[in-house]
Amino acid sequence: HIRTLDVSWNAFQVEVFSHLGSIVSNGDLQNLSLVSCGAAAGVQSEKGSPIEFFLEQLTKSCPLLRLDISLNHLDARGALVLEDRFSENEDLIDLHVADNPLGAIGVR
């Protein structure tokens, strides 16, 4: 089983993010690094940052222990999705969201 995956600095489309989210939620992956992976889909669209498609697919019982989604244009809306997915998750111990434009609402 793969426990650690680092696919940082790849230009992923929205479909890849969505598929990866569902795979992570249903697997044994514990450590995932997705640093700067949203460039292919554009900086921001009316549907939000591409990384949001990944976050929306995660279940609240996601097995991740460590997640790095730095440099993915995650804004306040994405921060709310992140909060919803991990607010009741007791497994996640290390979350990196550096260099994302979360804004005042996103860091509340």
C-alpha atoms as a PDB file:
ATOM      1  CA  HIS A   1       0.000   0.000   0.000  1.00  0.00           C
ATOM      2  CA  ILE A   2       1.170   3.526  -0.742  1.00  0.00           C
ATOM      3  CA  ARG A   3       1.260   5.584   2.451  1.00  0.00           C
ATOM      4  CA  THR A   4       3.033   8.726   1.168  1.00  0.00           C
ATOM      5  CA  LEU A   5       2.515  10.510  -2.136  1.00  0.00           C
ATOM      6  CA  ASP A   6       4.136  13.723  -3.337  1.00  0.00           C
ATOM      7  CA  VAL A   7       2.842  14.971  -6.674  1.00  0.00           C
ATOM      8  CA  SER A   8       3.746  18.607  -6.070  1.00  0.00           C
ATOM      9  CA  TRP A   9       4.532  21.011  -8.885  1.00  0.00           C
ATOM     10  CA  ASN A  10       2.355  19.262 -11.448  1.00  0.00           C
ATOM     11  CA  ALA A  11      -0.264  21.088 -13.490  1.00  0.00           C
ATOM     12  CA  PHE A  12      -3.450  19.141 -12.800  1.00  0.00           C
ATOM     13  CA  GLN A  13      -6.830  19.654 -14.418  1.00  0.00           C
ATOM     14  CA  VAL A  14     -10.002  19.822 -12.308  1.00  0.00           C
ATOM     15  CA  GLU A  15     -10.923  16.233 -13.235  1.00  0.00           C
ATOM     16  CA  VAL A  16      -7.640  14.948 -11.800  1.00  0.00           C
ATOM     17  CA  PHE A  17      -8.256  16.798  -8.532  1.00  0.00           C
ATOM     18  CA  SER A  18     -11.755  15.334  -8.245  1.00  0.00           C
ATOM     19  CA  HIS A  19     -10.593  11.798  -8.967  1.00  0.00           C
ATOM     20  CA  LEU A  20      -7.640  12.087  -6.577  1.00  0.00           C
ATOM     21  CA  GLY A  21      -9.969  13.256  -3.798  1.00  0.00           C
ATOM     22  CA  SER A  22     -12.206  10.237  -4.113  1.00  0.00           C
ATOM     23  CA  ILE A  23      -9.213   7.869  -4.236  1.00  0.00           C
ATOM     24  CA  VAL A  24      -7.664   9.422  -1.116  1.00  0.00           C
ATOM     25  CA  SER A  25     -10.928   9.189   0.813  1.00  0.00           C
ATOM     26  CA  ASN A  26     -11.288   5.499   0.093  1.00  0.00           C
ATOM     27  CA  GLY A  27      -7.659   4.422   0.460  1.00  0.00           C
ATOM     28  CA  ASP A  28      -4.852   4.064   2.970  1.00  0.00           C
ATOM     29  CA  LEU A  29      -2.837   7.148   2.001  1.00  0.00           C
ATOM     30  CA  GLN A  30      -1.589   8.993   5.082  1.00  0.00           C
ATOM     31  CA  ASN A  31       0.701  11.714   3.705  1.00  0.00           C
ATOM     32  CA  LEU A  32      -0.120  13.778   0.621  1.00  0.00           C
ATOM     33  CA  SER A  33       1.683  16.751  -0.852  1.00  0.00           C
ATOM     34  CA  LEU A  34      -0.082  18.767  -3.559  1.00  0.00           C
ATOM     35  CA  VAL A  35       2.055  21.924  -3.495  1.00  0.00           C
ATOM     36  CA  SER A  36       1.390  24.201  -6.481  1.00  0.00           C
ATOM     37  CA  CYS A  37      -0.720  21.811  -8.534  1.00  0.00           C
ATOM     38  CA  GLY A  38      -3.539  24.090  -9.677  1.00  0.00           C
ATOM     39  CA  ALA A  39      -1.846  26.055 -12.445  1.00  0.00           C
ATOM     40  CA  ALA A  40      -3.349  24.126 -15.371  1.00  0.00           C
ATOM     41  CA  ALA A  41      -6.921  25.046 -14.541  1.00  0.00           C
ATOM     42  CA  GLY A  42      -6.208  28.754 -14.154  1.00  0.00           C
ATOM     43  CA  VAL A  43      -5.752  30.877 -11.070  1.00  0.00           C
ATOM     44  CA  GLN A  44      -9.424  31.327 -10.190  1.00  0.00           C
ATOM     45  CA  SER A  45     -12.649  30.572 -11.938  1.00  0.00           C
ATOM     46  CA  GLU A  46     -16.235  31.275 -10.965  1.00  0.00           C
ATOM     47  CA  LYS A  47     -16.240  27.791  -9.393  1.00  0.00           C
ATOM     48  CA  GLY A  48     -13.214  28.535  -7.210  1.00  0.00           C
ATOM     49  CA  SER A  49      -9.688  27.235  -6.977  1.00  0.00           C
ATOM     50  CA  PRO A  50      -8.963  23.862  -8.640  1.00  0.00           C
ATOM     51  CA  ILE A  51      -7.808  22.430  -5.284  1.00  0.00           C
ATOM     52  CA  GLU A  52     -11.376  22.891  -4.022  1.00  0.00           C
ATOM     53  CA  PHE A  53     -12.483  20.057  -6.311  1.00  0.00           C
ATOM     54  CA  PHE A  54     -10.054  17.788  -4.457  1.00  0.00           C
ATOM     55  CA  LEU A  55     -11.263  18.963  -1.036  1.00  0.00           C
ATOM     56  CA  GLU A  56     -14.928  18.536  -1.970  1.00  0.00           C
ATOM     57  CA  GLN A  57     -14.364  14.854  -2.737  1.00  0.00           C
ATOM     58  CA  LEU A  58     -12.795  14.071   0.630  1.00  0.00           C
ATOM     59  CA  THR A  59     -14.965  12.357   3.198  1.00  0.00           C
ATOM     60  CA  LYS A  60     -15.040  13.549   6.787  1.00  0.00           C
ATOM     61  CA  SER A  61     -13.377  10.280   7.796  1.00  0.00           C
ATOM     62  CA  CYS A  62     -10.481  10.798   5.372  1.00  0.00           C
ATOM     63  CA  PRO A  63      -7.429   8.775   6.536  1.00  0.00           C
ATOM     64  CA  LEU A  64      -4.869  11.532   5.868  1.00  0.00           C
ATOM     65  CA  LEU A  65      -2.465  12.395   8.671  1.00  0.00           C
ATOM     66  CA  ARG A  66      -0.550  15.061   6.738  1.00  0.00           C
ATOM     67  CA  LEU A  67      -1.725  17.279   3.891  1.00  0.00           C
ATOM     68  CA  ASP A  68       0.222  20.030   2.130  1.00  0.00           C
ATOM     69  CA  ILE A  69      -1.838  22.175  -0.241  1.00  0.00           C
ATOM     70  CA  SER A  70       0.412  25.228  -0.219  1.00  0.00           C
ATOM     71  CA  LEU A  71       0.559  27.510  -3.267  1.00  0.00           C
ATOM     72  CA  ASN A  72      -2.766  26.429  -4.775  1.00  0.00           C
ATOM     73  CA  HIS A  73      -4.718  29.708  -4.931  1.00  0.00           C
ATOM     74  CA  LEU A  74      -6.959  28.542  -2.083  1.00  0.00           C
ATOM     75  CA  ASP A  75      -9.199  31.435  -1.067  1.00  0.00           C
ATOM     76  CA  ALA A  76     -11.755  31.981   1.706  1.00  0.00           C
ATOM     77  CA  ARG A  77     -14.328  29.790  -0.036  1.00  0.00           C
ATOM     78  CA  GLY A  78     -11.781  26.963  -0.246  1.00  0.00           C
ATOM     79  CA  ALA A  79     -10.903  27.462   3.411  1.00  0.00           C
ATOM     80  CA  LEU A  80     -14.570  26.889   4.300  1.00  0.00           C
ATOM     81  CA  VAL A  81     -14.590  23.631   2.334  1.00  0.00           C
ATOM     82  CA  LEU A  82     -11.387  22.616   4.123  1.00  0.00           C
ATOM     83  CA  GLU A  83     -12.913  23.437   7.495  1.00  0.00           C
ATOM     84  CA  ASP A  84     -16.028  21.416   6.687  1.00  0.00           C
ATOM     85  CA  ARG A  85     -14.061  18.347   5.629  1.00  0.00           C
ATOM     86  CA  PHE A  86     -11.657  18.259   8.564  1.00  0.00           C
ATOM     87  CA  SER A  87     -13.583  19.847  11.460  1.00  0.00           C
ATOM     88  CA  GLU A  88     -14.537  16.446  12.895  1.00  0.00           C
ATOM     89  CA  ASN A  89     -11.522  14.524  11.610  1.00  0.00           C
ATOM     90  CA  GLU A  90      -9.277  13.468  14.492  1.00  0.00           C
ATOM     91  CA  ASP A  91      -6.619  11.864  12.284  1.00  0.00           C
ATOM     92  CA  LEU A  92      -5.202  14.917  10.494  1.00  0.00           C
ATOM     93  CA  ILE A  93      -2.247  16.196  12.531  1.00  0.00           C
ATOM     94  CA  ASP A  94      -0.323  18.315  10.015  1.00  0.00           C
ATOM     95  CA  LEU A  95      -1.893  20.745   7.518  1.00  0.00           C
ATOM     96  CA  HIS A  96       0.079  23.174   5.347  1.00  0.00           C
ATOM     97  CA  VAL A  97      -1.794  25.952   3.543  1.00  0.00           C
ATOM     98  CA  ALA A  98       1.048  28.473   3.191  1.00  0.00           C
ATOM     99  CA  ASP A  99       1.061  31.013   0.382  1.00  0.00           C
ATOM    100  CA  ASN A 100      -2.651  30.797  -0.367  1.00  0.00           C
ATOM    101  CA  PRO A 101      -4.799  33.964  -0.530  1.00  0.00           C
ATOM    102  CA  LEU A 102      -7.132  32.896   2.275  1.00  0.00           C
ATOM    103  CA  GLY A 103      -8.048  36.454   3.250  1.00  0.00           C
ATOM    104  CA  ALA A 104      -9.461  37.573   6.584  1.00  0.00           C
ATOM    105  CA  ILE A 105     -12.571  35.408   6.267  1.00  0.00           C
ATOM    106  CA  GLY A 106     -10.531  32.330   5.392  1.00  0.00           C
ATOM    107  CA  VAL A 107      -8.341  32.532   8.497  1.00  0.00           C
ATOM    108  CA  ARG A 108     -11.119  33.204  10.976  1.00  0.00           C
END
